[in-house]
Amino acid sequence: MAIFMDRHELAGTSAEDIAEAHRRDLEVQDRYGVKFLTYWFDQRRGTAFCLIDAPDAETAQCVHREAHGYIAGEVVEVALSAVEAFLGRIHEPGQMTGQSTAERDAGHRAILFTDIVGSTALTSRLGDRMAAELVRAHDAIVRRCLAQCEGREIKHTGDGIMAAFASTRAAVGCAMSVQREFKRYNLGTPEPLHVRIGLDCGEPIEDSHDLFGATVQLAARLCQAAAGDQILVSENIFREHGASELFANATRYHLKGFSQPVLAFECDWTDADQVSAN
């Protein structure tokens, strides 16, 4: 048995329709030796994603075909640990009191990367022990901001952190908080730390990539392209967030792994800091 995630194009379908389709999958699954673990439905974008324990992708499709006819456009094998890290669950969530079916998690995530600027030079100049202390300081600041903004740490990259957010606005708010916290930290230390941050957002499965593959890649490349103390966000983040006054300096970047220049925006966290202080 393996774990698969599939993607359905279901524009015009209601959350209640998808819940009923999932119920029918559960009725049929045992005849095929399949177990449907959970699903996500994004009504605004008209997409649904099922998490399935199955012998193979085609057998999972057979259940859909018999149960309701909603055949997936893509089926990708995934790791449960990655699903839980990005999406927060691998089983059906408990229904919260007063929560409607329409309020179900859409599966859309914003991905954030931080990176300590000049970490190699810091290690060369200060030595391993002192450099490790600075990395720990970075981690403490970023993790505190993640906790305040409901961010989920995916992994530590050695000199940075990758995190996921269910809310694009929360992701941008966290990035701004991180930069403000490092600004405060640097006022009281002889060894200042400067970080760069990149953000993108997207669906679990896009164009047959790995789980959030395209989104992770773009967020990481934008982080690498950012200058110290800078936040670069993708066009996806810019459109999803909605507060255009936060973003400036739209620029096309030539990024490794992308055949065409990528449009990105700088998040002006310094103005936000001044506004919040007034």
Foldseek 3Di string as FASTA:
>chain_A
DFKKKFKFQAAPDALVNVVQLVVLLCVQVVVLVKDWFEKAADHVRRMIMTIIDHPDDVSSQVSSCVRPNRGTPDMATADPLQCCQAPVDRHDDDDDVPDDSRPGQRQKKKKKKKFWPPLVVCCVVPNDVVSVVVQVVLVVLLVVLCVVLVWGWRDQPPGMTMIMDSALQSVVVSLLSSLVVLVVVQVPDPDRIWMFMFMEMDHLDDPNDHGCRVRVVRRVQQRVVDDTSWYKYFPRSCVRNPPVVQWDDFDFDDTPPDPGTGTITIGNSVVVVVVVVD
